Protein backbone atom coordinates (compact mmCIF):
# COMPACT_ATOMS: atom_id res chain seq x y z
CA MET A 1 91.21 139.98 128.26
CA PRO A 2 91.94 139.35 124.56
CA SER A 3 90.01 141.29 121.95
CA THR A 4 87.80 139.41 119.51
CA GLN A 5 90.34 140.28 116.80
CA GLU A 6 93.04 138.56 118.89
CA LEU A 7 90.76 135.54 119.38
CA LEU A 8 90.26 135.41 115.62
CA ALA A 9 94.02 135.45 115.01
CA LYS A 10 94.52 132.60 117.48
CA THR A 11 91.77 130.36 116.11
CA SER A 12 91.98 130.94 112.35
CA ARG A 13 94.51 131.41 109.60
CA THR A 14 92.72 132.15 106.34
CA PHE A 15 89.82 134.08 107.88
CA ALA A 16 92.12 136.02 110.20
CA LEU A 17 93.90 137.20 107.05
CA ALA A 18 90.72 137.90 105.06
CA ILE A 19 88.19 139.35 107.54
CA PRO A 20 90.13 142.60 108.21
CA PHE A 21 89.59 143.56 104.56
CA LEU A 22 85.85 143.83 105.15
CA PRO A 23 84.53 147.32 105.90
CA ASP A 24 82.70 147.96 109.14
CA PRO A 25 80.10 147.15 110.29
CA THR A 26 80.35 143.99 108.17
CA GLN A 27 83.85 143.23 109.46
CA THR A 28 82.75 143.20 113.10
CA THR A 29 79.68 141.12 112.30
CA VAL A 30 81.58 138.50 110.31
CA ARG A 31 84.31 138.31 112.96
CA LEU A 32 81.76 137.58 115.69
CA ALA A 33 79.93 135.13 113.43
CA TYR A 34 83.18 133.27 112.75
CA LEU A 35 83.94 133.02 116.48
CA LEU A 36 80.46 131.66 117.23
CA PHE A 37 80.85 129.06 114.47
CA ARG A 38 84.28 128.20 115.90
CA VAL A 39 82.70 127.62 119.32
CA ALA A 40 80.30 125.15 117.68
CA ASP A 41 83.22 123.48 115.86
CA THR A 42 85.11 123.17 119.15
CA LEU A 43 82.16 121.46 120.81
CA GLU A 44 81.63 119.12 117.86
CA ASP A 45 85.32 118.17 117.62
CA ALA A 46 85.83 117.97 121.42
CA GLU A 47 88.24 115.04 121.41
CA ALA A 48 88.26 114.77 125.22
CA TRP A 49 84.47 114.39 125.40
CA PRO A 50 82.35 111.38 124.43
CA ARG A 51 79.56 111.78 121.90
CA HIS A 52 76.75 112.42 124.41
CA ARG A 53 78.69 115.26 126.08
CA ARG A 54 79.44 116.91 122.73
CA MET A 55 75.78 116.69 121.76
CA GLU A 56 74.77 118.13 125.12
CA GLY A 57 77.23 121.01 124.69
CA LEU A 58 75.88 121.85 121.24
CA ALA A 59 72.30 121.75 122.55
CA GLN A 60 73.31 124.09 125.39
CA PHE A 61 75.00 126.44 122.93
CA ALA A 62 71.94 126.56 120.66
CA GLU A 63 69.71 127.23 123.66
CA LEU A 64 72.00 130.07 124.72
CA LEU A 65 71.84 131.62 121.25
CA HIS A 66 68.04 131.55 121.33
CA ALA A 67 68.27 133.93 124.30
CA PRO A 68 71.83 135.37 124.26
CA SER A 69 73.10 136.50 127.65
CA ALA A 70 76.66 137.22 128.78
CA THR A 71 75.76 136.05 132.29
CA ALA A 72 74.35 132.74 131.03
CA ALA A 73 77.39 132.39 128.74
CA GLN A 74 79.69 132.83 131.75
CA HIS A 75 78.02 129.96 133.62
CA LEU A 76 77.97 127.77 130.53
CA SER A 77 81.61 128.29 129.57
CA GLN A 78 82.68 127.60 133.15
CA ASP A 79 80.70 124.36 133.07
CA TRP A 80 82.35 123.33 129.80
CA LEU A 81 85.83 124.09 131.09
CA VAL A 82 85.48 122.03 134.29
CA SER A 83 86.33 119.06 132.09
CA ALA A 84 88.18 120.61 129.16
CA PRO A 85 86.76 119.40 125.84
CA THR A 86 90.09 119.85 124.02
CA SER A 87 93.79 120.33 124.64
CA ASN A 88 93.93 123.22 122.16
CA ALA A 89 94.75 126.29 124.28
CA ALA A 90 93.36 128.77 121.74
CA TYR A 91 90.00 126.99 121.60
CA LEU A 92 89.83 126.79 125.40
CA GLU A 93 90.47 130.52 125.57
CA LEU A 94 87.71 131.04 123.01
CA LEU A 95 85.23 129.15 125.20
CA ALA A 96 86.32 131.17 128.23
CA GLU A 97 85.71 134.41 126.35
CA LEU A 98 82.22 133.47 125.16
CA PRO A 99 80.62 136.10 127.47
CA GLN A 100 82.67 138.84 125.77
CA ILE A 101 81.63 137.60 122.32
CA LEU A 102 77.95 137.71 123.30
CA THR A 103 78.38 141.18 124.78
CA GLU A 104 79.72 142.42 121.43
CA LEU A 105 77.03 140.47 119.59
CA ALA A 106 74.37 142.35 121.57
CA ALA A 107 75.83 145.65 120.32
CA LEU A 108 75.30 144.76 116.65
CA GLU A 109 72.52 146.34 114.62
CA ALA A 110 69.39 144.24 115.15
CA GLY A 111 69.07 142.94 111.59
CA ALA A 112 72.70 141.82 111.37
CA ARG A 113 72.53 140.24 114.83
CA GLN A 114 69.43 138.27 113.86
CA ILE A 115 71.17 136.90 110.75
CA VAL A 116 74.22 135.78 112.73
CA VAL A 117 72.23 134.16 115.53
CA LEU A 118 69.88 132.31 113.16
CA HIS A 119 72.71 130.71 111.19
CA ALA A 120 74.81 129.91 114.27
CA ILE A 121 71.82 128.07 115.73
CA ARG A 122 71.25 126.20 112.46
CA THR A 123 74.87 125.08 112.38
CA SER A 124 74.88 124.00 116.05
CA GLU A 125 71.71 121.98 115.59
CA GLY A 126 73.04 120.48 112.36
CA MET A 127 76.28 119.45 114.03
CA ARG A 128 74.32 117.78 116.81
CA LYS A 129 72.44 115.70 114.23
CA ILE A 130 75.74 114.76 112.58
CA LEU A 131 77.17 113.63 115.92
CA ALA A 132 74.14 111.39 116.44
CA GLN A 133 75.49 109.35 113.50
CA SER A 134 78.94 108.87 115.07
CA ASP A 135 80.15 106.18 117.47
CA GLU A 136 80.17 106.57 121.28
CA GLN A 137 83.53 108.36 121.15
CA GLY A 138 82.17 110.85 118.62
CA ARG A 139 84.21 109.45 115.74
CA LEU A 140 82.43 110.14 112.48
CA SER A 141 82.71 107.93 109.41
CA ILE A 142 81.13 109.31 106.25
CA THR A 143 80.20 106.56 103.80
CA THR A 144 78.77 108.29 100.71
CA LEU A 145 79.30 111.42 98.67
CA LYS A 146 75.76 112.51 99.52
CA LYS A 147 76.53 112.31 103.25
CA LEU A 148 79.79 114.18 102.70
CA ARG A 149 77.89 117.00 101.00
CA SER A 150 75.33 117.05 103.83
CA TYR A 151 78.18 117.38 106.32
CA CYS A 152 79.81 120.16 104.30
CA TYR A 153 76.52 122.03 104.11
CA VAL A 154 76.15 122.09 107.89
CA VAL A 155 79.72 123.20 108.63
CA ALA A 156 80.35 125.44 105.60
CA GLY A 157 77.40 125.79 103.23
CA ILE A 158 75.45 127.60 105.94
CA VAL A 159 78.38 130.01 106.21
CA GLY A 160 77.92 130.84 102.53
CA GLU A 161 74.25 131.55 103.17
CA LEU A 162 75.15 133.72 106.16
CA LEU A 163 77.59 135.79 104.10
CA THR A 164 75.07 136.40 101.31
CA GLU A 165 72.44 137.61 103.77
CA LEU A 166 74.91 139.90 105.53
CA PHE A 167 76.32 141.30 102.29
CA VAL A 168 72.88 142.14 100.93
CA HIS A 169 71.80 143.50 104.32
CA ASP A 170 74.82 145.83 104.52
CA ALA A 171 74.91 146.70 100.80
CA PRO A 172 71.27 146.56 99.60
CA ALA A 173 72.26 147.29 95.97
CA LEU A 174 73.60 143.72 95.83
CA ALA A 175 70.01 142.50 95.68
CA ALA A 176 70.39 143.03 91.92
CA VAL A 177 72.80 140.06 91.81
CA GLY A 178 71.19 138.22 94.70
CA ARG A 179 69.97 135.39 92.51
CA THR A 180 73.51 134.55 91.37
CA LEU A 181 74.87 134.88 94.89
CA ARG A 182 72.24 132.52 96.28
CA ALA A 183 72.80 130.04 93.43
CA ASN A 184 76.49 129.72 94.36
CA GLU A 185 76.67 130.45 98.10
CA ARG A 186 76.52 126.82 99.22
CA ALA A 187 79.15 125.75 96.68
CA PHE A 188 81.39 128.58 97.89
CA GLY A 189 81.34 127.20 101.43
CA GLU A 190 81.39 123.56 100.36
CA GLY A 191 84.41 124.11 98.14
CA LEU A 192 86.48 125.64 100.93
CA GLN A 193 85.51 122.78 103.26
CA LEU A 194 86.34 120.07 100.72
CA VAL A 195 89.78 121.57 100.21
CA ASN A 196 90.37 121.36 103.97
CA ILE A 197 89.14 117.76 104.04
CA LEU A 198 91.44 116.76 101.20
CA LYS A 199 94.37 118.63 102.77
CA ASP A 200 93.84 117.19 106.27
CA GLU A 201 92.86 113.66 105.21
CA LYS A 202 95.77 111.94 106.96
CA VAL A 203 95.53 113.98 110.18
CA ASP A 204 91.78 113.40 110.40
CA ALA A 205 92.21 109.66 109.86
CA GLU A 206 94.74 109.51 112.72
CA ALA A 207 92.19 111.25 114.95
CA GLY A 208 89.49 108.75 114.00
CA ARG A 209 87.60 111.06 111.66
CA THR A 210 86.84 109.68 108.22
CA TYR A 211 85.37 112.33 105.98
CA MET A 212 86.49 110.70 102.73
CA PRO A 213 83.79 108.13 101.86
CA ARG A 214 85.17 104.60 101.84
CA GLY A 215 84.69 102.82 98.55
CA LEU A 216 84.49 106.11 96.66
CA ALA A 217 87.41 107.12 94.49
CA ARG A 218 89.25 110.11 95.95
CA GLN A 219 89.12 111.68 92.52
CA ALA A 220 85.34 112.02 92.81
CA VAL A 221 85.81 114.33 95.80
CA VAL A 222 88.57 116.17 93.96
CA ARG A 223 86.26 116.75 90.98
CA LEU A 224 83.52 118.06 93.27
CA ALA A 225 85.96 120.41 95.00
CA TRP A 226 87.13 121.84 91.67
CA ALA A 227 83.53 122.29 90.49
CA ASP A 228 82.70 124.11 93.72
CA LEU A 229 85.73 126.37 93.41
CA ARG A 230 84.64 127.36 89.91
CA ARG A 231 81.27 128.32 91.36
CA ALA A 232 83.03 130.19 94.16
CA ARG A 233 84.61 132.36 91.48
CA LEU A 234 81.14 132.98 90.05
CA TYR A 235 80.07 134.12 93.51
CA VAL A 236 83.01 136.53 93.74
CA ALA A 237 82.39 137.79 90.20
CA ALA A 238 78.76 138.51 91.07
CA LEU A 239 79.85 140.67 93.99
CA LYS A 240 82.14 142.59 91.67
CA ARG A 241 79.44 142.96 89.02
CA GLY A 242 76.93 144.10 91.63
CA GLY A 243 79.17 146.94 92.78
CA ALA A 244 79.98 145.47 96.19
CA PRO A 245 82.37 147.37 98.46
CA SER A 246 85.94 146.44 97.57
CA GLY A 247 86.34 144.73 100.95
CA PHE A 248 83.58 142.25 100.10
CA PHE A 249 85.47 141.36 96.92
CA LEU A 250 88.82 141.10 98.72
CA PHE A 251 87.44 138.91 101.50
CA THR A 252 85.72 136.38 99.25
CA ALA A 253 88.29 136.42 96.44
CA LEU A 254 91.19 135.83 98.83
CA ALA A 255 89.47 132.82 100.43
CA ALA A 256 88.55 131.38 97.02
CA GLU A 257 91.99 131.90 95.46
CA LEU A 258 93.85 130.46 98.46
CA ALA A 259 91.61 127.39 98.23
CA HIS A 260 92.25 127.18 94.48
CA ALA A 261 96.02 127.31 95.00
CA THR A 262 95.82 124.72 97.78
CA MET A 263 93.89 122.36 95.49
CA ALA A 264 96.55 122.72 92.81
CA LYS A 265 99.20 121.93 95.43
CA LEU A 266 97.29 118.88 96.63
CA GLU A 267 97.01 117.62 93.06
CA SER A 268 100.78 117.81 92.63
CA ALA A 269 102.03 116.88 96.10
CA GLY A 270 99.23 114.88 97.75
CA ALA A 271 97.35 115.11 101.05
CA GLY A 272 98.94 117.33 103.67
CA ALA A 273 100.50 119.70 101.13
CA LYS A 274 100.26 123.41 101.93
CA ILE A 275 101.01 126.50 99.90
CA ALA A 276 104.13 128.39 100.94
CA ARG A 277 103.97 131.70 102.78
CA ASP A 278 105.43 133.63 99.84
CA GLU A 279 102.73 132.20 97.57
CA VAL A 280 100.05 133.33 100.03
CA PHE A 281 101.37 136.89 99.84
CA ALA A 282 101.60 136.70 96.04
CA ILE A 283 97.93 135.65 95.90
CA LEU A 284 97.02 138.46 98.28
CA ALA A 285 98.81 141.01 96.09
CA ARG A 286 97.07 139.68 92.99
CA VAL A 287 93.65 139.88 94.62
CA GLN A 288 94.36 143.41 95.84
CA ARG A 289 95.27 144.47 92.31
CA ALA A 290 92.07 142.94 91.00
CA SER A 291 90.11 144.78 93.67
CA PHE A 292 91.72 148.08 92.68
CA THR A 293 90.91 147.43 89.02
CA ALA A 294 87.33 146.62 89.95
CA THR A 295 86.80 149.90 91.77
CA SER A 296 88.90 152.31 89.69
């Protein structure tokens, strides 16, 4: 049986790199939250399922989270896997290990567990509403910038809200900068999601997913992404100013700076461009130095 850390490594790249910098208990909580959000993503993106089956799966997942149970999760994951929703082996393994994730979720401190469950339910229900706007095969076509931002809020802005609540819960002194964190939390998540959309534009189009609004200049989305990334830096700076544990700074700063570097690469090389491995490690080293300066 894989550990939840191994599941994280198999289903994520950026967050698998960033989450281990968080101190416990926040690290464990965010890891489990990420995996629950990834389950919802897997059900939403289930390319082997038609729209109605994806919507049913998300409704089942939300119902499970209202009354989490490893036994119920076992039955549900088995039902999902009878007709595999995806060909991605890592995501199928994640669905199979849902009972383990809920067992670890039950061991969290009550306040942290409540925060995670609430936001995972909100995302699952939001994704179900988004799917209702797709065609029978579940192919989504976003037509306006407003709808794009609504989509980004469901899949990423809620994550920003989740992080703020967990950070303040685990480090109550951050309430002093809570207003700034809340003012920028949605932009933090939205910015990371927009970078992924711009980066994966061609791949998504081949899969029948159109996140870039037709008739809207691509540059409008680029401008919004850059504006969000500037606000993401304000979010990170507020954590630093509020005396957050260094791991909070490292986690958020690394995600923001990797997104910033990816945007710069996309501007110069176009959709599909990725930052090189050595640049990733250079950014990590720079963020670690900034974290040391912040706490020394």
